[in-house]
């Protein structure tokens, strides 16, 4: 029987009924635009900030999405290239429904708490790369964090007869339905209010890959930052820590993040930034993992936007 089932988290609804497929299309469009800009970089000539393009999107009455989260200038090889950027951004807005909620994601810590965490966390200049990281557990693979979503670990949800993935879904989805005969263990349906994207996503067991589970502090980054020296038992517990280090999200957001840290990636929804900053710093401190100077700078810039 599931441990702590009655403590299931009920996340407040997020405005806008978005599907995982729509969010994926938006992120894919953004990635295509970014790759296009990179290809034009060598041609020279800078014409407009991305925030300016965001204003173009807003002028079409659909708000902004992702457009003000970077201050990068888009390069243009010649006149006429900038309108192409505008068209692509407008298309992105139409696909994603640019408007975002203005209030912080549920569970976001106040500014004072984020600043306290920033003052506590260890900081290193850059991320080392000691080598040896191998997540796979097939024959011949190192399996350095143990089998994915194992139930065989010490900690919340461990040894309760349900795998870690289902424990996370049961906690973070609302309107959860279970497969009959699994002792309320296998989640087959529910709704995710995703703090990373600011969208509401319908989960179905038949399309389970549309709602993956993110390691807030990525496993590969943890390995590089010190977990390589931990005993296996501690690494397995870290990989399955449903209290602190696991967050259900969309496939597109999870793939875009990969093993990036805050200096390289932030949630596409600005209202989710404080939520992410608080969770990332809490995990780092709890496991005595450092963050890089670039991570610290990114999170410090987020702290001033958190609720007071």
C-alpha atoms as a PDB file:
ATOM      1  CA  UNK A   1       0.000   0.000   0.000  1.00  0.00           C
ATOM      2  CA  UNK A   2       1.277   3.472  -0.822  1.00  0.00           C
ATOM      3  CA  UNK A   3       2.986   5.340   1.980  1.00  0.00           C
ATOM      4  CA  UNK A   4       1.532   8.773   2.689  1.00  0.00           C
ATOM      5  CA  UNK A   5      -1.207   8.521   0.074  1.00  0.00           C
ATOM      6  CA  UNK A   6      -3.440  10.972   1.958  1.00  0.00           C
ATOM      7  CA  UNK A   7      -0.743  13.626   1.709  1.00  0.00           C
ATOM      8  CA  UNK A   8      -1.058  13.855  -2.069  1.00  0.00           C
ATOM      9  CA  UNK A   9      -0.295  17.388  -3.243  1.00  0.00           C
ATOM     10  CA  UNK A  10      -3.134  19.268  -4.912  1.00  0.00           C
ATOM     11  CA  UNK A  11      -1.565  21.885  -7.185  1.00  0.00           C
ATOM     12  CA  UNK A  12      -3.591  24.993  -8.000  1.00  0.00           C
ATOM     13  CA  UNK A  13      -4.834  25.132 -11.606  1.00  0.00           C
ATOM     14  CA  UNK A  14      -2.800  27.113 -14.106  1.00  0.00           C
ATOM     15  CA  UNK A  15      -4.693  29.346 -16.550  1.00  0.00           C
ATOM     16  CA  UNK A  16      -5.054  27.947 -20.024  1.00  0.00           C
ATOM     17  CA  UNK A  17      -5.834  24.355 -21.066  1.00  0.00           C
ATOM     18  CA  UNK A  18      -2.672  23.431 -22.927  1.00  0.00           C
ATOM     19  CA  UNK A  19      -1.824  19.956 -24.148  1.00  0.00           C
ATOM     20  CA  UNK A  20       1.654  18.463 -23.958  1.00  0.00           C
ATOM     21  CA  UNK A  21       1.674  18.352 -27.752  1.00  0.00           C
ATOM     22  CA  UNK A  22       1.004  22.108 -28.024  1.00  0.00           C
ATOM     23  CA  UNK A  23       3.747  22.929 -25.539  1.00  0.00           C
ATOM     24  CA  UNK A  24       6.114  20.659 -27.440  1.00  0.00           C
ATOM     25  CA  UNK A  25       5.309  22.461 -30.672  1.00  0.00           C
ATOM     26  CA  UNK A  26       6.027  25.819 -29.045  1.00  0.00           C
ATOM     27  CA  UNK A  27       9.395  24.728 -27.703  1.00  0.00           C
ATOM     28  CA  UNK A  28      10.277  23.129 -31.037  1.00  0.00           C
ATOM     29  CA  UNK A  29       9.439  26.383 -32.837  1.00  0.00           C
ATOM     30  CA  UNK A  30      11.612  28.328 -30.422  1.00  0.00           C
ATOM     31  CA  UNK A  31      14.506  25.899 -30.920  1.00  0.00           C
ATOM     32  CA  UNK A  32      14.184  26.175 -34.692  1.00  0.00           C
ATOM     33  CA  UNK A  33      14.297  29.965 -34.448  1.00  0.00           C
ATOM     34  CA  UNK A  34      17.372  29.856 -32.234  1.00  0.00           C
ATOM     35  CA  UNK A  35      19.175  27.500 -34.617  1.00  0.00           C
ATOM     36  CA  UNK A  36      18.294  29.784 -37.524  1.00  0.00           C
ATOM     37  CA  UNK A  37      19.753  32.778 -35.678  1.00  0.00           C
ATOM     38  CA  UNK A  38      22.948  30.863 -34.917  1.00  0.00           C
ATOM     39  CA  UNK A  39      23.403  30.009 -38.600  1.00  0.00           C
ATOM     40  CA  UNK A  40      23.104  33.689 -39.491  1.00  0.00           C
ATOM     41  CA  UNK A  41      25.593  34.822 -36.877  1.00  0.00           C
ATOM     42  CA  UNK A  42      28.623  34.534 -39.111  1.00  0.00           C
ATOM     43  CA  UNK A  43      26.983  36.727 -41.737  1.00  0.00           C
ATOM     44  CA  UNK A  44      27.187  39.706 -39.390  1.00  0.00           C
ATOM     45  CA  UNK A  45      24.810  42.578 -38.781  1.00  0.00           C
ATOM     46  CA  UNK A  46      22.665  42.807 -35.652  1.00  0.00           C
ATOM     47  CA  UNK A  47      19.239  44.309 -36.009  1.00  0.00           C
ATOM     48  CA  UNK A  48      16.976  43.815 -33.031  1.00  0.00           C
ATOM     49  CA  UNK A  49      16.842  42.468 -29.533  1.00  0.00           C
ATOM     50  CA  UNK A  50      14.706  39.470 -28.831  1.00  0.00           C
ATOM     51  CA  UNK A  51      12.677  41.640 -26.433  1.00  0.00           C
ATOM     52  CA  UNK A  52      11.828  43.867 -29.382  1.00  0.00           C
ATOM     53  CA  UNK A  53      10.556  40.844 -31.257  1.00  0.00           C
ATOM     54  CA  UNK A  54       8.560  40.018 -28.163  1.00  0.00           C
ATOM     55  CA  UNK A  55       6.918  43.421 -28.372  1.00  0.00           C
ATOM     56  CA  UNK A  56       6.003  42.621 -31.962  1.00  0.00           C
ATOM     57  CA  UNK A  57       4.275  39.495 -30.690  1.00  0.00           C
ATOM     58  CA  UNK A  58       2.472  41.481 -28.025  1.00  0.00           C
ATOM     59  CA  UNK A  59       1.270  43.975 -30.661  1.00  0.00           C
ATOM     60  CA  UNK A  60      -0.617  41.103 -32.253  1.00  0.00           C
ATOM     61  CA  UNK A  61      -2.617  40.785 -29.054  1.00  0.00           C
ATOM     62  CA  UNK A  62      -1.298  37.450 -27.847  1.00  0.00           C
ATOM     63  CA  UNK A  63       1.158  38.456 -25.150  1.00  0.00           C
ATOM     64  CA  UNK A  64       4.694  37.130 -24.858  1.00  0.00           C
ATOM     65  CA  UNK A  65       6.248  33.699 -24.347  1.00  0.00           C
ATOM     66  CA  UNK A  66       9.955  33.066 -23.779  1.00  0.00           C
ATOM     67  CA  UNK A  67      10.728  36.280 -25.614  1.00  0.00           C
ATOM     68  CA  UNK A  68      11.921  38.354 -22.695  1.00  0.00           C
ATOM     69  CA  UNK A  69      13.859  35.650 -20.917  1.00  0.00           C
ATOM     70  CA  UNK A  70      17.015  36.313 -22.937  1.00  0.00           C
ATOM     71  CA  UNK A  71      18.689  39.535 -23.965  1.00  0.00           C
ATOM     72  CA  UNK A  72      20.385  38.090 -26.965  1.00  0.00           C
ATOM     73  CA  UNK A  73      20.453  40.020 -30.213  1.00  0.00           C
ATOM     74  CA  UNK A  74      19.363  38.243 -33.330  1.00  0.00           C
ATOM     75  CA  UNK A  75      21.843  38.561 -36.212  1.00  0.00           C
ATOM     76  CA  UNK A  76      20.593  39.498 -39.674  1.00  0.00           C
ATOM     77  CA  UNK A  77      22.576  38.955 -42.831  1.00  0.00           C
ATOM     78  CA  UNK A  78      20.742  41.625 -44.774  1.00  0.00           C
ATOM     79  CA  UNK A  79      17.640  43.705 -44.767  1.00  0.00           C
ATOM     80  CA  UNK A  80      14.593  41.553 -44.873  1.00  0.00           C
ATOM     81  CA  UNK A  81      15.900  39.012 -42.390  1.00  0.00           C
ATOM     82  CA  UNK A  82      14.325  40.746 -39.388  1.00  0.00           C
ATOM     83  CA  UNK A  83      10.775  40.324 -40.717  1.00  0.00           C
ATOM     84  CA  UNK A  84      11.480  36.597 -40.938  1.00  0.00           C
ATOM     85  CA  UNK A  85      12.302  36.637 -37.220  1.00  0.00           C
ATOM     86  CA  UNK A  86       9.052  38.481 -36.574  1.00  0.00           C
ATOM     87  CA  UNK A  87       7.054  35.963 -38.548  1.00  0.00           C
ATOM     88  CA  UNK A  88       8.645  33.032 -36.741  1.00  0.00           C
ATOM     89  CA  UNK A  89       8.042  34.630 -33.361  1.00  0.00           C
ATOM     90  CA  UNK A  90       4.460  35.432 -34.231  1.00  0.00           C
ATOM     91  CA  UNK A  91       3.989  31.810 -35.289  1.00  0.00           C
ATOM     92  CA  UNK A  92       5.458  30.686 -31.975  1.00  0.00           C
ATOM     93  CA  UNK A  93       3.011  32.915 -30.145  1.00  0.00           C
ATOM     94  CA  UNK A  94       0.044  31.589 -32.073  1.00  0.00           C
ATOM     95  CA  UNK A  95       1.068  27.963 -31.477  1.00  0.00           C
ATOM     96  CA  UNK A  96       1.681  28.371 -27.752  1.00  0.00           C
ATOM     97  CA  UNK A  97      -0.826  31.005 -26.727  1.00  0.00           C
ATOM     98  CA  UNK A  98       1.820  33.406 -25.480  1.00  0.00           C
ATOM     99  CA  UNK A  99       0.065  34.800 -22.446  1.00  0.00           C
ATOM    100  CA  UNK A 100       1.466  33.553 -19.157  1.00  0.00           C
ATOM    101  CA  UNK A 101       0.124  33.747 -15.614  1.00  0.00           C
ATOM    102  CA  UNK A 102       1.452  36.755 -13.737  1.00  0.00           C
ATOM    103  CA  UNK A 103       1.505  35.217 -10.255  1.00  0.00           C
ATOM    104  CA  UNK A 104       4.356  32.945  -9.108  1.00  0.00           C
ATOM    105  CA  UNK A 105       3.853  29.211  -9.537  1.00  0.00           C
ATOM    106  CA  UNK A 106       2.316  27.520  -6.476  1.00  0.00           C
ATOM    107  CA  UNK A 107       5.023  26.530  -4.035  1.00  0.00           C
ATOM    108  CA  UNK A 108       7.353  29.402  -4.984  1.00  0.00           C
ATOM    109  CA  UNK A 109       9.461  30.590  -2.018  1.00  0.00           C
ATOM    110  CA  UNK A 110       9.648  34.263  -1.025  1.00  0.00           C
ATOM    111  CA  UNK A 111      12.601  36.415  -1.995  1.00  0.00           C
ATOM    112  CA  UNK A 112      14.112  36.295   1.501  1.00  0.00           C
ATOM    113  CA  UNK A 113      14.207  32.486   1.427  1.00  0.00           C
ATOM    114  CA  UNK A 114      15.879  32.336  -1.989  1.00  0.00           C
ATOM    115  CA  UNK A 115      18.447  34.890  -0.841  1.00  0.00           C
ATOM    116  CA  UNK A 116      19.097  32.849   2.308  1.00  0.00           C
ATOM    117  CA  UNK A 117      19.686  29.741   0.198  1.00  0.00           C
ATOM    118  CA  UNK A 118      22.003  31.664  -2.120  1.00  0.00           C
ATOM    119  CA  UNK A 119      24.049  32.793   0.879  1.00  0.00           C
ATOM    120  CA  UNK A 120      24.310  29.186   2.120  1.00  0.00           C
ATOM    121  CA  UNK A 121      25.055  27.138  -0.997  1.00  0.00           C
ATOM    122  CA  UNK A 122      28.633  26.310  -1.956  1.00  0.00           C
ATOM    123  CA  UNK A 123      29.833  27.954  -5.172  1.00  0.00           C
ATOM    124  CA  UNK A 124      32.555  26.799  -7.547  1.00  0.00           C
ATOM    125  CA  UNK A 125      33.829  28.659 -10.569  1.00  0.00           C
ATOM    126  CA  UNK A 126      33.003  26.048 -13.196  1.00  0.00           C
ATOM    127  CA  UNK A 127      31.539  22.564 -13.486  1.00  0.00           C
ATOM    128  CA  UNK A 128      34.215  19.867 -13.532  1.00  0.00           C
ATOM    129  CA  UNK A 129      33.938  16.838 -15.799  1.00  0.00           C
ATOM    130  CA  UNK A 130      35.589  13.883 -14.058  1.00  0.00           C
ATOM    131  CA  UNK A 131      34.179  11.316 -16.488  1.00  0.00           C
ATOM    132  CA  UNK A 132      32.733   7.937 -15.635  1.00  0.00           C
ATOM    133  CA  UNK A 133      29.058   8.926 -15.644  1.00  0.00           C
ATOM    134  CA  UNK A 134      26.875   6.172 -17.070  1.00  0.00           C
ATOM    135  CA  UNK A 135      23.180   6.064 -16.230  1.00  0.00           C
ATOM    136  CA  UNK A 136      22.286   2.869 -18.077  1.00  0.00           C
ATOM    137  CA  UNK A 137      21.896  -0.399 -16.187  1.00  0.00           C
ATOM    138  CA  UNK A 138      22.084  -2.981 -18.958  1.00  0.00           C
ATOM    139  CA  UNK A 139      24.836  -5.572 -19.092  1.00  0.00           C
ATOM    140  CA  UNK A 140      28.199  -3.858 -19.285  1.00  0.00           C
ATOM    141  CA  UNK A 141      26.851  -0.455 -18.139  1.00  0.00           C
ATOM    142  CA  UNK A 142      27.884   1.191 -14.880  1.00  0.00           C
ATOM    143  CA  UNK A 143      24.392   2.059 -13.582  1.00  0.00           C
ATOM    144  CA  UNK A 144      25.928   4.723 -11.329  1.00  0.00           C
ATOM    145  CA  UNK A 145      22.590   5.903  -9.863  1.00  0.00           C
ATOM    146  CA  UNK A 146      20.942   2.501  -9.733  1.00  0.00           C
ATOM    147  CA  UNK A 147      17.983   1.285 -11.824  1.00  0.00           C
ATOM    148  CA  UNK A 148      15.636   4.067 -12.914  1.00  0.00           C
ATOM    149  CA  UNK A 149      12.652   4.649 -10.601  1.00  0.00           C
ATOM    150  CA  UNK A 150      13.626   1.876  -8.236  1.00  0.00           C
ATOM    151  CA  UNK A 151      11.575   1.143  -5.140  1.00  0.00           C
ATOM    152  CA  UNK A 152      14.652  -0.299  -3.440  1.00  0.00           C
ATOM    153  CA  UNK A 153      16.018   2.705  -1.553  1.00  0.00           C
ATOM    154  CA  UNK A 154      15.859   4.323   1.866  1.00  0.00           C
ATOM    155  CA  UNK A 155      13.668   7.407   1.955  1.00  0.00           C
ATOM    156  CA  UNK A 156      10.122   8.597   1.354  1.00  0.00           C
ATOM    157  CA  UNK A 157       8.337   6.125  -0.915  1.00  0.00           C
ATOM    158  CA  UNK A 158      11.109   3.556  -0.724  1.00  0.00           C
ATOM    159  CA  UNK A 159      10.079  -0.083  -0.183  1.00  0.00           C
ATOM    160  CA  UNK A 160       6.378   0.804  -0.416  1.00  0.00           C
ATOM    161  CA  UNK A 161       5.658  -1.506  -3.331  1.00  0.00           C
ATOM    162  CA  UNK A 162       5.282   1.362  -5.838  1.00  0.00           C
ATOM    163  CA  UNK A 163       8.033   2.615  -8.144  1.00  0.00           C
ATOM    164  CA  UNK A 164       9.313   6.168  -7.796  1.00  0.00           C
ATOM    165  CA  UNK A 165       7.749   7.470 -11.006  1.00  0.00           C
ATOM    166  CA  UNK A 166       4.258   6.468  -9.914  1.00  0.00           C
ATOM    167  CA  UNK A 167       4.864   7.936  -6.459  1.00  0.00           C
ATOM    168  CA  UNK A 168       5.754  11.298  -8.043  1.00  0.00           C
ATOM    169  CA  UNK A 169       2.717  11.253 -10.330  1.00  0.00           C
ATOM    170  CA  UNK A 170       0.451  10.412  -7.406  1.00  0.00           C
ATOM    171  CA  UNK A 171       1.792  13.387  -5.476  1.00  0.00           C
ATOM    172  CA  UNK A 172       1.967  16.022  -8.181  1.00  0.00           C
ATOM    173  CA  UNK A 173      -1.075  15.290 -10.359  1.00  0.00           C
ATOM    174  CA  UNK A 174      -4.642  16.127  -9.422  1.00  0.00           C
ATOM    175  CA  UNK A 175      -7.721  14.048 -10.219  1.00  0.00           C
ATOM    176  CA  UNK A 176      -5.576  10.911 -10.084  1.00  0.00           C
ATOM    177  CA  UNK A 177      -6.956   7.564 -11.227  1.00  0.00           C
ATOM    178  CA  UNK A 178      -5.203   4.261 -10.554  1.00  0.00           C
ATOM    179  CA  UNK A 179      -5.129   0.975 -12.432  1.00  0.00           C
ATOM    180  CA  UNK A 180      -7.449  -1.451 -10.636  1.00  0.00           C
ATOM    181  CA  UNK A 181      -5.724  -4.235  -8.787  1.00  0.00           C
ATOM    182  CA  UNK A 182      -2.466  -2.303  -8.201  1.00  0.00           C
ATOM    183  CA  UNK A 183      -3.253  -1.205  -4.616  1.00  0.00           C
ATOM    184  CA  UNK A 184      -3.471   2.434  -5.748  1.00  0.00           C
ATOM    185  CA  UNK A 185       0.022   2.197  -7.187  1.00  0.00           C
ATOM    186  CA  UNK A 186      -0.061   2.580 -10.984  1.00  0.00           C
ATOM    187  CA  UNK A 187      -1.319   6.012 -12.057  1.00  0.00           C
ATOM    188  CA  UNK A 188      -3.321   5.864 -15.287  1.00  0.00           C
ATOM    189  CA  UNK A 189      -4.794   9.382 -15.472  1.00  0.00           C
ATOM    190  CA  UNK A 190      -4.604  12.813 -13.894  1.00  0.00           C
ATOM    191  CA  UNK A 191      -3.841  16.476 -14.569  1.00  0.00           C
ATOM    192  CA  UNK A 192      -0.489  18.199 -14.127  1.00  0.00           C
ATOM    193  CA  UNK A 193      -0.215  21.913 -13.373  1.00  0.00           C
ATOM    194  CA  UNK A 194       3.349  22.239 -14.643  1.00  0.00           C
ATOM    195  CA  UNK A 195       5.350  24.946 -12.827  1.00  0.00           C
ATOM    196  CA  UNK A 196       8.056  24.880 -15.508  1.00  0.00           C
ATOM    197  CA  UNK A 197       5.802  25.787 -18.445  1.00  0.00           C
ATOM    198  CA  UNK A 198       2.828  27.362 -16.698  1.00  0.00           C
ATOM    199  CA  UNK A 199       0.512  24.951 -18.483  1.00  0.00           C
ATOM    200  CA  UNK A 200      -2.046  22.371 -17.487  1.00  0.00           C
ATOM    201  CA  UNK A 201      -1.359  18.962 -19.049  1.00  0.00           C
ATOM    202  CA  UNK A 202      -3.648  15.960 -19.129  1.00  0.00           C
ATOM    203  CA  UNK A 203      -1.806  12.765 -18.228  1.00  0.00           C
ATOM    204  CA  UNK A 204      -2.799   9.404 -19.667  1.00  0.00           C
ATOM    205  CA  UNK A 205      -0.961   6.147 -19.113  1.00  0.00           C
ATOM    206  CA  UNK A 206      -1.247   5.460 -22.855  1.00  0.00           C
ATOM    207  CA  UNK A 207       0.821   8.617 -23.522  1.00  0.00           C
ATOM    208  CA  UNK A 208       2.967   8.413 -20.401  1.00  0.00           C
ATOM    209  CA  UNK A 209       6.071   9.819 -22.140  1.00  0.00           C
ATOM    210  CA  UNK A 210       4.311  13.175 -22.476  1.00  0.00           C
ATOM    211  CA  UNK A 211       4.777  13.687 -18.712  1.00  0.00           C
ATOM    212  CA  UNK A 212       8.328  12.695 -17.763  1.00  0.00           C
ATOM    213  CA  UNK A 213       9.914  13.214 -14.350  1.00  0.00           C
ATOM    214  CA  UNK A 214      12.721  15.767 -14.155  1.00  0.00           C
ATOM    215  CA  UNK A 215      15.649  15.564 -11.755  1.00  0.00           C
ATOM    216  CA  UNK A 216      15.756  19.197 -10.634  1.00  0.00           C
ATOM    217  CA  UNK A 217      19.470  18.919  -9.907  1.00  0.00           C
ATOM    218  CA  UNK A 218      20.410  16.711 -12.889  1.00  0.00           C
ATOM    219  CA  UNK A 219      22.060  13.381 -12.219  1.00  0.00           C
ATOM    220  CA  UNK A 220      24.921  14.042 -14.639  1.00  0.00           C
ATOM    221  CA  UNK A 221      25.578  17.426 -13.017  1.00  0.00           C
ATOM    222  CA  UNK A 222      25.457  15.868  -9.544  1.00  0.00           C
ATOM    223  CA  UNK A 223      27.992  13.258 -10.664  1.00  0.00           C
ATOM    224  CA  UNK A 224      30.317  15.987 -11.913  1.00  0.00           C
ATOM    225  CA  UNK A 225      29.846  18.118  -8.792  1.00  0.00           C
ATOM    226  CA  UNK A 226      30.687  15.438  -6.253  1.00  0.00           C
ATOM    227  CA  UNK A 227      28.267  12.498  -6.403  1.00  0.00           C
ATOM    228  CA  UNK A 228      30.924  10.430  -8.175  1.00  0.00           C
ATOM    229  CA  UNK A 229      32.559  10.054  -4.756  1.00  0.00           C
ATOM    230  CA  UNK A 230      29.355   8.998  -2.968  1.00  0.00           C
ATOM    231  CA  UNK A 231      28.536   5.408  -2.090  1.00  0.00           C
ATOM    232  CA  UNK A 232      26.004   3.843  -4.448  1.00  0.00           C
ATOM    233  CA  UNK A 233      23.286   3.785  -1.782  1.00  0.00           C
ATOM    234  CA  UNK A 234      23.434   7.578  -1.447  1.00  0.00           C
ATOM    235  CA  UNK A 235      23.329   8.064  -5.220  1.00  0.00           C
ATOM    236  CA  UNK A 236      20.272   5.784  -5.516  1.00  0.00           C
ATOM    237  CA  UNK A 237      18.514   7.762  -2.787  1.00  0.00           C
ATOM    238  CA  UNK A 238      19.346  11.018  -4.564  1.00  0.00           C
ATOM    239  CA  UNK A 239      17.977   9.740  -7.882  1.00  0.00           C
ATOM    240  CA  UNK A 240      14.692   8.756  -6.208  1.00  0.00           C
ATOM    241  CA  UNK A 241      14.229  11.670  -3.807  1.00  0.00           C
ATOM    242  CA  UNK A 242      10.527  12.411  -4.278  1.00  0.00           C
ATOM    243  CA  UNK A 243      10.516  15.023  -1.509  1.00  0.00           C
ATOM    244  CA  UNK A 244      13.065  17.388  -3.050  1.00  0.00           C
ATOM    245  CA  UNK A 245      14.612  16.480  -6.393  1.00  0.00           C
ATOM    246  CA  UNK A 246      11.842  15.184  -8.670  1.00  0.00           C
ATOM    247  CA  UNK A 247       9.343  17.234 -10.655  1.00  0.00           C
ATOM    248  CA  UNK A 248       6.799  16.093 -13.248  1.00  0.00           C
ATOM    249  CA  UNK A 249       6.846  18.316 -16.336  1.00  0.00           C
ATOM    250  CA  UNK A 250       6.284  18.208 -20.087  1.00  0.00           C
ATOM    251  CA  UNK A 251       8.401  16.178 -22.474  1.00  0.00           C
ATOM    252  CA  UNK A 252       9.508  19.310 -24.328  1.00  0.00           C
ATOM    253  CA  UNK A 253      10.694  21.087 -21.176  1.00  0.00           C
ATOM    254  CA  UNK A 254      12.473  17.976 -19.916  1.00  0.00           C
ATOM    255  CA  UNK A 255      14.285  17.462 -23.218  1.00  0.00           C
ATOM    256  CA  UNK A 256      15.218  21.132 -23.484  1.00  0.00           C
ATOM    257  CA  UNK A 257      16.716  21.072 -19.989  1.00  0.00           C
ATOM    258  CA  UNK A 258      18.669  17.813 -20.311  1.00  0.00           C
ATOM    259  CA  UNK A 259      21.486  17.909 -17.758  1.00  0.00           C
ATOM    260  CA  UNK A 260      21.711  21.713 -17.817  1.00  0.00           C
ATOM    261  CA  UNK A 261      22.035  23.761 -14.656  1.00  0.00           C
ATOM    262  CA  UNK A 262      20.471  27.210 -13.967  1.00  0.00           C
ATOM    263  CA  UNK A 263      23.286  29.089 -15.686  1.00  0.00           C
ATOM    264  CA  UNK A 264      22.366  27.268 -18.898  1.00  0.00           C
ATOM    265  CA  UNK A 265      18.603  26.713 -18.632  1.00  0.00           C
ATOM    266  CA  UNK A 266      15.608  28.218 -16.872  1.00  0.00           C
ATOM    267  CA  UNK A 267      11.945  27.181 -17.066  1.00  0.00           C
ATOM    268  CA  UNK A 268      10.216  28.705 -20.093  1.00  0.00           C
ATOM    269  CA  UNK A 269       7.496  30.137 -17.835  1.00  0.00           C
ATOM    270  CA  UNK A 270       8.789  33.166 -15.940  1.00  0.00           C
ATOM    271  CA  UNK A 271       6.333  32.604 -13.041  1.00  0.00           C
ATOM    272  CA  UNK A 272       8.045  29.234 -12.544  1.00  0.00           C
ATOM    273  CA  UNK A 273      11.496  30.720 -12.006  1.00  0.00           C
ATOM    274  CA  UNK A 274      11.215  31.223  -8.239  1.00  0.00           C
ATOM    275  CA  UNK A 275       9.781  27.747  -7.815  1.00  0.00           C
ATOM    276  CA  UNK A 276      12.699  26.247  -9.741  1.00  0.00           C
ATOM    277  CA  UNK A 277      15.304  28.392  -7.955  1.00  0.00           C
ATOM    278  CA  UNK A 278      14.025  27.360  -4.547  1.00  0.00           C
ATOM    279  CA  UNK A 279      13.975  23.658  -5.389  1.00  0.00           C
ATOM    280  CA  UNK A 280      17.389  23.677  -7.072  1.00  0.00           C
ATOM    281  CA  UNK A 281      19.101  25.461  -4.190  1.00  0.00           C
ATOM    282  CA  UNK A 282      17.371  23.311  -1.575  1.00  0.00           C
ATOM    283  CA  UNK A 283      18.606  20.116  -3.249  1.00  0.00           C
ATOM    284  CA  UNK A 284      22.128  21.499  -3.618  1.00  0.00           C
ATOM    285  CA  UNK A 285      22.340  22.387   0.073  1.00  0.00           C
ATOM    286  CA  UNK A 286      20.654  19.208   1.282  1.00  0.00           C
ATOM    287  CA  UNK A 287      23.202  17.052  -0.557  1.00  0.00           C
ATOM    288  CA  UNK A 288      26.143  19.444  -0.161  1.00  0.00           C
ATOM    289  CA  UNK A 289      26.470  19.822  -3.919  1.00  0.00           C
ATOM    290  CA  UNK A 290      27.941  23.092  -5.180  1.00  0.00           C
ATOM    291  CA  UNK A 291      26.601  25.303  -7.937  1.00  0.00           C
ATOM    292  CA  UNK A 292      28.697  27.211 -10.454  1.00  0.00           C
ATOM    293  CA  UNK A 293      29.272  30.941 -10.417  1.00  0.00           C
ATOM    294  CA  UNK A 294      27.081  31.197 -13.528  1.00  0.00           C
ATOM    295  CA  UNK A 295      24.314  29.269 -11.740  1.00  0.00           C
ATOM    296  CA  UNK A 296      24.592  31.582  -8.754  1.00  0.00           C
ATOM    297  CA  UNK A 297      24.353  34.684 -10.935  1.00  0.00           C
ATOM    298  CA  UNK A 298      21.277  33.345 -12.737  1.00  0.00           C
ATOM    299  CA  UNK A 299      19.536  32.424  -9.499  1.00  0.00           C
ATOM    300  CA  UNK A 300      20.458  35.731  -7.879  1.00  0.00           C
ATOM    301  CA  UNK A 301      18.773  37.570 -10.746  1.00  0.00           C
ATOM    302  CA  UNK A 302      15.671  35.454 -10.154  1.00  0.00           C
ATOM    303  CA  UNK A 303      15.618  36.124  -6.398  1.00  0.00           C
ATOM    304  CA  UNK A 304      14.778  39.817  -6.857  1.00  0.00           C
ATOM    305  CA  UNK A 305      11.627  38.836  -8.768  1.00  0.00           C
ATOM    306  CA  UNK A 306      10.315  36.452  -6.105  1.00  0.00           C
ATOM    307  CA  UNK A 307       7.358  37.411  -3.916  1.00  0.00           C
ATOM    308  CA  UNK A 308       8.127  39.424  -0.807  1.00  0.00           C
END
